[in-house]
Amino acid sequence: SFDRLAAALDAAIATRDEARALTAETRLAAVAVPALAGVLGITLIVTEPASAAGVTAPLPASVLGGCAAVAIAGTVIARRLASVR
């Protein structure tokens, strides 16, 4: 009947909402940790401009680019794992 259907839909919505609440910290960390690393890197360059001179060489620039790629990939993977549909 319609009452059982409504109850089942309410239960499904409640389960989804609970799952979203349980994964909220993971979703936040997936964005906050790489963002914090970027902010700290920019702060270092702004406060110590001499440190930016070493980053323009090919090898350090490649290493930093690789680190950025890994951070972005980790963010995407963590958000996908923590997503609730």
PDB file of N, CA and C in Angstrom:
ATOM      1  N   SER A   1       0.835  -1.184   0.000  1.00  0.00           N
ATOM      2  CA  SER A   1       0.000   0.000   0.000  1.00  0.00           C
ATOM      3  C   SER A   1       0.878   1.245   0.000  1.00  0.00           C
ATOM      4  N   PHE A   2       0.219   2.383  -0.089  1.00  0.00           N
ATOM      5  CA  PHE A   2       0.951   3.651  -0.140  1.00  0.00           C
ATOM      6  C   PHE A   2       1.664   3.963   1.177  1.00  0.00           C
ATOM      7  N   ASP A   3       1.106   3.502   2.279  1.00  0.00           N
ATOM      8  CA  ASP A   3       1.745   3.754   3.574  1.00  0.00           C
ATOM      9  C   ASP A   3       3.083   3.024   3.675  1.00  0.00           C
ATOM     10  N   ARG A   4       3.118   1.794   3.204  1.00  0.00           N
ATOM     11  CA  ARG A   4       4.379   1.033   3.233  1.00  0.00           C
ATOM     12  C   ARG A   4       5.396   1.640   2.273  1.00  0.00           C
ATOM     13  N   LEU A   5       4.943   2.084   1.119  1.00  0.00           N
ATOM     14  CA  LEU A   5       5.837   2.734   0.160  1.00  0.00           C
ATOM     15  C   LEU A   5       6.407   4.013   0.751  1.00  0.00           C
ATOM     16  N   ALA A   6       5.559   4.814   1.385  1.00  0.00           N
ATOM     17  CA  ALA A   6       6.018   6.058   2.006  1.00  0.00           C
ATOM     18  C   ALA A   6       7.012   5.770   3.127  1.00  0.00           C
ATOM     19  N   ALA A   7       6.750   4.741   3.918  1.00  0.00           N
ATOM     20  CA  ALA A   7       7.661   4.375   5.006  1.00  0.00           C
ATOM     21  C   ALA A   7       9.008   3.905   4.455  1.00  0.00           C
ATOM     22  N   ALA A   8       8.966   3.137   3.376  1.00  0.00           N
ATOM     23  CA  ALA A   8      10.211   2.656   2.765  1.00  0.00           C
ATOM     24  C   ALA A   8      11.011   3.816   2.193  1.00  0.00           C
ATOM     25  N   LEU A   9      10.350   4.767   1.563  1.00  0.00           N
ATOM     26  CA  LEU A   9      11.051   5.933   1.022  1.00  0.00           C
ATOM     27  C   LEU A   9      11.641   6.783   2.145  1.00  0.00           C
ATOM     28  N   ASP A  10      10.886   6.962   3.227  1.00  0.00           N
ATOM     29  CA  ASP A  10      11.405   7.709   4.368  1.00  0.00           C
ATOM     30  C   ASP A  10      12.635   7.028   4.962  1.00  0.00           C
ATOM     31  N   ALA A  11      12.604   5.706   5.058  1.00  0.00           N
ATOM     32  CA  ALA A  11      13.744   4.957   5.591  1.00  0.00           C
ATOM     33  C   ALA A  11      14.960   5.087   4.675  1.00  0.00           C
ATOM     34  N   ALA A  12      14.739   5.045   3.375  1.00  0.00           N
ATOM     35  CA  ALA A  12      15.849   5.188   2.423  1.00  0.00           C
ATOM     36  C   ALA A  12      16.466   6.579   2.517  1.00  0.00           C
ATOM     37  N   ILE A  13      15.639   7.587   2.638  1.00  0.00           N
ATOM     38  CA  ILE A  13      16.146   8.962   2.759  1.00  0.00           C
ATOM     39  C   ILE A  13      16.920   9.128   4.058  1.00  0.00           C
ATOM     40  N   ALA A  14      16.407   8.567   5.135  1.00  0.00           N
ATOM     41  CA  ALA A  14      17.102   8.660   6.429  1.00  0.00           C
ATOM     42  C   ALA A  14      18.443   7.938   6.380  1.00  0.00           C
ATOM     43  N   THR A  15      18.495   6.792   5.719  1.00  0.00           N
ATOM     44  CA  THR A  15      19.751   6.048   5.594  1.00  0.00           C
ATOM     45  C   THR A  15      20.768   6.838   4.783  1.00  0.00           C
ATOM     46  N   ARG A  16      20.320   7.432   3.684  1.00  0.00           N
ATOM     47  CA  ARG A  16      21.232   8.238   2.863  1.00  0.00           C
ATOM     48  C   ARG A  16      21.746   9.436   3.646  1.00  0.00           C
ATOM     49  N   ASP A  17      20.871  10.112   4.377  1.00  0.00           N
ATOM     50  CA  ASP A  17      21.282  11.276   5.163  1.00  0.00           C
ATOM     51  C   ASP A  17      22.283  10.883   6.246  1.00  0.00           C
ATOM     52  N   GLU A  18      22.071   9.736   6.873  1.00  0.00           N
ATOM     53  CA  GLU A  18      23.002   9.269   7.903  1.00  0.00           C
ATOM     54  C   GLU A  18      24.362   8.937   7.290  1.00  0.00           C
ATOM     55  N   ALA A  19      24.355   8.312   6.120  1.00  0.00           N
ATOM     56  CA  ALA A  19      25.615   7.985   5.443  1.00  0.00           C
ATOM     57  C   ALA A  19      26.361   9.260   5.056  1.00  0.00           C
ATOM     58  N   ARG A  20      25.652  10.270   4.597  1.00  0.00           N
ATOM     59  CA  ARG A  20      26.294  11.548   4.261  1.00  0.00           C
ATOM     60  C   ARG A  20      26.899  12.185   5.498  1.00  0.00           C
ATOM     61  N   ALA A  21      26.210  12.101   6.610  1.00  0.00           N
ATOM     62  CA  ALA A  21      26.740  12.670   7.852  1.00  0.00           C
ATOM     63  C   ALA A  21      27.981  11.921   8.308  1.00  0.00           C
ATOM     64  N   LEU A  22      27.996  10.619   8.150  1.00  0.00           N
ATOM     65  CA  LEU A  22      29.144   9.828   8.585  1.00  0.00           C
ATOM     66  C   LEU A  22      30.375  10.049   7.701  1.00  0.00           C
ATOM     67  N   THR A  23      30.174  10.426   6.455  1.00  0.00           N
ATOM     68  CA  THR A  23      31.303  10.631   5.549  1.00  0.00           C
ATOM     69  C   THR A  23      31.685  12.108   5.385  1.00  0.00           C
ATOM     70  N   ALA A  24      31.029  12.987   6.124  1.00  0.00           N
ATOM     71  CA  ALA A  24      31.287  14.430   5.975  1.00  0.00           C
ATOM     72  C   ALA A  24      32.731  14.780   6.302  1.00  0.00           C
ATOM     73  N   GLU A  25      33.289  14.188   7.355  1.00  0.00           N
ATOM     74  CA  GLU A  25      34.664  14.509   7.736  1.00  0.00           C
ATOM     75  C   GLU A  25      35.650  14.089   6.646  1.00  0.00           C
ATOM     76  N   THR A  26      35.437  12.942   6.063  1.00  0.00           N
ATOM     77  CA  THR A  26      36.323  12.467   4.995  1.00  0.00           C
ATOM     78  C   THR A  26      36.242  13.381   3.780  1.00  0.00           C
ATOM     79  N   ARG A  27      35.025  13.790   3.429  1.00  0.00           N
ATOM     80  CA  ARG A  27      34.875  14.687   2.280  1.00  0.00           C
ATOM     81  C   ARG A  27      35.538  16.032   2.541  1.00  0.00           C
ATOM     82  N   LEU A  28      35.422  16.539   3.759  1.00  0.00           N
ATOM     83  CA  LEU A  28      36.059  17.806   4.099  1.00  0.00           C
ATOM     84  C   LEU A  28      37.577  17.670   4.071  1.00  0.00           C
ATOM     85  N   ALA A  29      38.098  16.608   4.648  1.00  0.00           N
ATOM     86  CA  ALA A  29      39.557  16.403   4.676  1.00  0.00           C
ATOM     87  C   ALA A  29      40.121  16.235   3.269  1.00  0.00           C
ATOM     88  N   ALA A  30      39.350  15.646   2.378  1.00  0.00           N
ATOM     89  CA  ALA A  30      39.807  15.443   1.006  1.00  0.00           C
ATOM     90  C   ALA A  30      40.068  16.764   0.302  1.00  0.00           C
ATOM     91  N   VAL A  31      39.397  17.810   0.715  1.00  0.00           N
ATOM     92  CA  VAL A  31      39.602  19.126   0.119  1.00  0.00           C
ATOM     93  C   VAL A  31      40.536  19.980   0.976  1.00  0.00           C
ATOM     94  N   ALA A  32      40.382  19.907   2.284  1.00  0.00           N
ATOM     95  CA  ALA A  32      41.112  20.805   3.186  1.00  0.00           C
ATOM     96  C   ALA A  32      42.606  20.513   3.228  1.00  0.00           C
ATOM     97  N   VAL A  33      43.003  19.258   3.238  1.00  0.00           N
ATOM     98  CA  VAL A  33      44.424  18.929   3.376  1.00  0.00           C
ATOM     99  C   VAL A  33      45.238  19.416   2.173  1.00  0.00           C
ATOM    100  N   PRO A  34      44.843  19.118   0.932  1.00  0.00           N
ATOM    101  CA  PRO A  34      45.610  19.668  -0.195  1.00  0.00           C
ATOM    102  C   PRO A  34      45.538  21.196  -0.271  1.00  0.00           C
ATOM    103  N   ALA A  35      44.393  21.767   0.083  1.00  0.00           N
ATOM    104  CA  ALA A  35      44.275  23.229   0.063  1.00  0.00           C
ATOM    105  C   ALA A  35      45.228  23.848   1.082  1.00  0.00           C
ATOM    106  N   LEU A  36      45.326  23.255   2.251  1.00  0.00           N
ATOM    107  CA  LEU A  36      46.237  23.768   3.276  1.00  0.00           C
ATOM    108  C   LEU A  36      47.686  23.700   2.799  1.00  0.00           C
ATOM    109  N   ALA A  37      48.051  22.627   2.127  1.00  0.00           N
ATOM    110  CA  ALA A  37      49.412  22.512   1.600  1.00  0.00           C
ATOM    111  C   ALA A  37      49.688  23.623   0.585  1.00  0.00           C
ATOM    112  N   GLY A  38      48.723  23.915  -0.271  1.00  0.00           N
ATOM    113  CA  GLY A  38      48.890  24.995  -1.239  1.00  0.00           C
ATOM    114  C   GLY A  38      49.003  26.356  -0.572  1.00  0.00           C
ATOM    115  N   VAL A  39      48.172  26.591   0.421  1.00  0.00           N
ATOM    116  CA  VAL A  39      48.225  27.872   1.144  1.00  0.00           C
ATOM    117  C   VAL A  39      49.563  28.031   1.859  1.00  0.00           C
ATOM    118  N   LEU A  40      50.038  26.975   2.483  1.00  0.00           N
ATOM    119  CA  LEU A  40      51.332  27.055   3.168  1.00  0.00           C
ATOM    120  C   LEU A  40      52.476  27.278   2.176  1.00  0.00           C
ATOM    121  N   GLY A  41      52.394  26.646   1.014  1.00  0.00           N
ATOM    122  CA  GLY A  41      53.421  26.863  -0.005  1.00  0.00           C
ATOM    123  C   GLY A  41      53.439  28.295  -0.504  1.00  0.00           C
ATOM    124  N   ILE A  42      52.271  28.851  -0.756  1.00  0.00           N
ATOM    125  CA  ILE A  42      52.191  30.247  -1.205  1.00  0.00           C
ATOM    126  C   ILE A  42      52.683  31.185  -0.113  1.00  0.00           C
ATOM    127  N   THR A  43      52.312  30.897   1.140  1.00  0.00           N
ATOM    128  CA  THR A  43      52.773  31.722   2.259  1.00  0.00           C
ATOM    129  C   THR A  43      54.292  31.697   2.360  1.00  0.00           C
ATOM    130  N   LEU A  44      54.890  30.539   2.179  1.00  0.00           N
ATOM    131  CA  LEU A  44      56.348  30.432   2.227  1.00  0.00           C
ATOM    132  C   LEU A  44      56.988  31.278   1.129  1.00  0.00           C
ATOM    133  N   ILE A  45      56.444  31.210  -0.071  1.00  0.00           N
ATOM    134  CA  ILE A  45      57.008  31.977  -1.185  1.00  0.00           C
ATOM    135  C   ILE A  45      56.849  33.477  -0.954  1.00  0.00           C
ATOM    136  N   VAL A  46      55.711  33.893  -0.396  1.00  0.00           N
ATOM    137  CA  VAL A  46      55.481  35.314  -0.147  1.00  0.00           C
ATOM    138  C   VAL A  46      56.375  35.830   0.978  1.00  0.00           C
ATOM    139  N   THR A  47      56.540  35.039   2.024  1.00  0.00           N
ATOM    140  CA  THR A  47      57.336  35.499   3.167  1.00  0.00           C
ATOM    141  C   THR A  47      58.831  35.308   2.954  1.00  0.00           C
ATOM    142  N   GLU A  48      59.212  34.331   2.136  1.00  0.00           N
ATOM    143  CA  GLU A  48      60.628  34.071   1.848  1.00  0.00           C
ATOM    144  C   GLU A  48      60.815  33.976   0.330  1.00  0.00           C
ATOM    145  N   PRO A  49      60.864  35.120  -0.360  1.00  0.00           N
ATOM    146  CA  PRO A  49      60.974  35.079  -1.828  1.00  0.00           C
ATOM    147  C   PRO A  49      62.209  34.322  -2.329  1.00  0.00           C
ATOM    148  N   ALA A  50      63.262  34.276  -1.547  1.00  0.00           N
ATOM    149  CA  ALA A  50      64.461  33.556  -1.981  1.00  0.00           C
ATOM    150  C   ALA A  50      64.183  32.063  -2.153  1.00  0.00           C
ATOM    151  N   SER A  51      63.243  31.539  -1.409  1.00  0.00           N
ATOM    152  CA  SER A  51      62.930  30.111  -1.533  1.00  0.00           C
ATOM    153  C   SER A  51      62.270  29.794  -2.879  1.00  0.00           C
ATOM    154  N   ALA A  52      61.622  30.775  -3.496  1.00  0.00           N
ATOM    155  CA  ALA A  52      60.988  30.557  -4.791  1.00  0.00           C
ATOM    156  C   ALA A  52      62.007  30.427  -5.909  1.00  0.00           C
ATOM    157  N   ALA A  53      63.195  30.970  -5.714  1.00  0.00           N
ATOM    158  CA  ALA A  53      64.217  30.906  -6.752  1.00  0.00           C
ATOM    159  C   ALA A  53      64.615  29.466  -7.056  1.00  0.00           C
ATOM    160  N   GLY A  54      64.684  28.616  -6.045  1.00  0.00           N
ATOM    161  CA  GLY A  54      65.063  27.225  -6.252  1.00  0.00           C
ATOM    162  C   GLY A  54      63.990  26.401  -6.919  1.00  0.00           C
ATOM    163  N   VAL A  55      62.761  26.852  -6.889  1.00  0.00           N
ATOM    164  CA  VAL A  55      61.645  26.091  -7.446  1.00  0.00           C
ATOM    165  C   VAL A  55      61.568  26.222  -8.958  1.00  0.00           C
ATOM    166  N   THR A  56      62.199  27.235  -9.506  1.00  0.00           N
ATOM    167  CA  THR A  56      62.101  27.450 -10.950  1.00  0.00           C
ATOM    168  C   THR A  56      63.006  26.527 -11.759  1.00  0.00           C
ATOM    169  N   ALA A  57      63.933  25.830 -11.113  1.00  0.00           N
ATOM    170  CA  ALA A  57      64.782  24.868 -11.824  1.00  0.00           C
ATOM    171  C   ALA A  57      63.918  23.688 -12.272  1.00  0.00           C
ATOM    172  N   PRO A  58      64.304  23.020 -13.345  1.00  0.00           N
ATOM    173  CA  PRO A  58      63.453  21.949 -13.899  1.00  0.00           C
ATOM    174  C   PRO A  58      63.150  20.802 -12.932  1.00  0.00           C
ATOM    175  N   LEU A  59      64.152  20.312 -12.215  1.00  0.00           N
ATOM    176  CA  LEU A  59      63.912  19.167 -11.342  1.00  0.00           C
ATOM    177  C   LEU A  59      62.966  19.514 -10.186  1.00  0.00           C
ATOM    178  N   PRO A  60      63.220  20.586  -9.419  1.00  0.00           N
ATOM    179  CA  PRO A  60      62.271  20.908  -8.348  1.00  0.00           C
ATOM    180  C   PRO A  60      60.865  21.229  -8.869  1.00  0.00           C
ATOM    181  N   ALA A  61      60.785  21.889 -10.011  1.00  0.00           N
ATOM    182  CA  ALA A  61      59.473  22.190 -10.581  1.00  0.00           C
ATOM    183  C   ALA A  61      58.742  20.902 -10.948  1.00  0.00           C
ATOM    184  N   SER A  62      59.473  19.925 -11.482  1.00  0.00           N
ATOM    185  CA  SER A  62      58.865  18.633 -11.825  1.00  0.00           C
ATOM    186  C   SER A  62      58.386  17.901 -10.577  1.00  0.00           C
ATOM    187  N   VAL A  63      59.200  17.935  -9.523  1.00  0.00           N
ATOM    188  CA  VAL A  63      58.817  17.276  -8.270  1.00  0.00           C
ATOM    189  C   VAL A  63      57.561  17.932  -7.693  1.00  0.00           C
ATOM    190  N   LEU A  64      57.522  19.256  -7.680  1.00  0.00           N
ATOM    191  CA  LEU A  64      56.341  19.951  -7.170  1.00  0.00           C
ATOM    192  C   LEU A  64      55.109  19.665  -8.030  1.00  0.00           C
ATOM    193  N   GLY A  65      55.295  19.596  -9.328  1.00  0.00           N
ATOM    194  CA  GLY A  65      54.180  19.251 -10.204  1.00  0.00           C
ATOM    195  C   GLY A  65      53.669  17.845  -9.930  1.00  0.00           C
ATOM    196  N   GLY A  66      54.595  16.918  -9.709  1.00  0.00           N
ATOM    197  CA  GLY A  66      54.197  15.546  -9.359  1.00  0.00           C
ATOM    198  C   GLY A  66      53.453  15.497  -8.039  1.00  0.00           C
ATOM    199  N   CYS A  67      53.928  16.263  -7.062  1.00  0.00           N
ATOM    200  CA  CYS A  67      53.242  16.322  -5.761  1.00  0.00           C
ATOM    201  C   CYS A  67      51.829  16.885  -5.915  1.00  0.00           C
ATOM    202  N   ALA A  68      51.704  17.911  -6.737  1.00  0.00           N
ATOM    203  CA  ALA A  68      50.381  18.500  -6.966  1.00  0.00           C
ATOM    204  C   ALA A  68      49.459  17.486  -7.643  1.00  0.00           C
ATOM    205  N   ALA A  69      49.990  16.735  -8.601  1.00  0.00           N
ATOM    206  CA  ALA A  69      49.179  15.724  -9.294  1.00  0.00           C
ATOM    207  C   ALA A  69      48.717  14.635  -8.325  1.00  0.00           C
ATOM    208  N   VAL A  70      49.615  14.204  -7.444  1.00  0.00           N
ATOM    209  CA  VAL A  70      49.248  13.182  -6.458  1.00  0.00           C
ATOM    210  C   VAL A  70      48.194  13.723  -5.494  1.00  0.00           C
ATOM    211  N   ALA A  71      48.348  14.979  -5.065  1.00  0.00           N
ATOM    212  CA  ALA A  71      47.367  15.586  -4.154  1.00  0.00           C
ATOM    213  C   ALA A  71      45.994  15.689  -4.817  1.00  0.00           C
ATOM    214  N   ILE A  72      45.971  16.078  -6.069  1.00  0.00           N
ATOM    215  CA  ILE A  72      44.693  16.190  -6.788  1.00  0.00           C
ATOM    216  C   ILE A  72      44.062  14.807  -6.965  1.00  0.00           C
ATOM    217  N   ALA A  73      44.876  13.828  -7.340  1.00  0.00           N
ATOM    218  CA  ALA A  73      44.353  12.467  -7.503  1.00  0.00           C
ATOM    219  C   ALA A  73      43.821  11.925  -6.180  1.00  0.00           C
ATOM    220  N   GLY A  74      44.536  12.179  -5.099  1.00  0.00           N
ATOM    221  CA  GLY A  74      44.076  11.736  -3.780  1.00  0.00           C
ATOM    222  C   GLY A  74      42.766  12.385  -3.388  1.00  0.00           C
ATOM    223  N   THR A  75      42.632  13.663  -3.703  1.00  0.00           N
ATOM    224  CA  THR A  75      41.387  14.366  -3.407  1.00  0.00           C
ATOM    225  C   THR A  75      40.220  13.755  -4.179  1.00  0.00           C
ATOM    226  N   VAL A  76      40.436  13.500  -5.453  1.00  0.00           N
ATOM    227  CA  VAL A  76      39.373  12.923  -6.284  1.00  0.00           C
ATOM    228  C   VAL A  76      38.991  11.531  -5.770  1.00  0.00           C
ATOM    229  N   ILE A  77      39.989  10.717  -5.450  1.00  0.00           N
ATOM    230  CA  ILE A  77      39.712   9.358  -4.978  1.00  0.00           C
ATOM    231  C   ILE A  77      38.981   9.389  -3.637  1.00  0.00           C
ATOM    232  N   ALA A  78      39.447  10.211  -2.715  1.00  0.00           N
ATOM    233  CA  ALA A  78      38.806  10.291  -1.397  1.00  0.00           C
ATOM    234  C   ALA A  78      37.371  10.774  -1.508  1.00  0.00           C
ATOM    235  N   ARG A  79      37.134  11.762  -2.355  1.00  0.00           N
ATOM    236  CA  ARG A  79      35.764  12.280  -2.502  1.00  0.00           C
ATOM    237  C   ARG A  79      34.856  11.224  -3.153  1.00  0.00           C
ATOM    238  N   ARG A  80      35.398  10.470  -4.099  1.00  0.00           N
ATOM    239  CA  ARG A  80      34.585   9.429  -4.736  1.00  0.00           C
ATOM    240  C   ARG A  80      34.271   8.306  -3.747  1.00  0.00           C
ATOM    241  N   LEU A  81      35.258   7.945  -2.920  1.00  0.00           N
ATOM    242  CA  LEU A  81      35.027   6.896  -1.938  1.00  0.00           C
ATOM    243  C   LEU A  81      34.008   7.315  -0.882  1.00  0.00           C
ATOM    244  N   ALA A  82      34.009   8.597  -0.557  1.00  0.00           N
ATOM    245  CA  ALA A  82      33.120   9.090   0.499  1.00  0.00           C
ATOM    246  C   ALA A  82      31.782   9.597  -0.040  1.00  0.00           C
ATOM    247  N   SER A  83      31.588   9.519  -1.345  1.00  0.00           N
ATOM    248  CA  SER A  83      30.332  10.045  -1.910  1.00  0.00           C
ATOM    249  C   SER A  83      29.181   9.090  -1.586  1.00  0.00           C
ATOM    250  N   VAL A  84      28.032   9.705  -1.384  1.00  0.00           N
ATOM    251  CA  VAL A  84      26.814   8.931  -1.107  1.00  0.00           C
ATOM    252  C   VAL A  84      25.778   9.370  -2.122  1.00  0.00           C
ATOM    253  N   ARG A  85      25.247   8.423  -2.837  1.00  0.00           N
ATOM    254  CA  ARG A  85      24.263   8.778  -3.880  1.00  0.00           C
ATOM    255  C   ARG A  85      22.868   8.488  -3.420  1.00  0.00           C
TER     256      ARG A  85
END
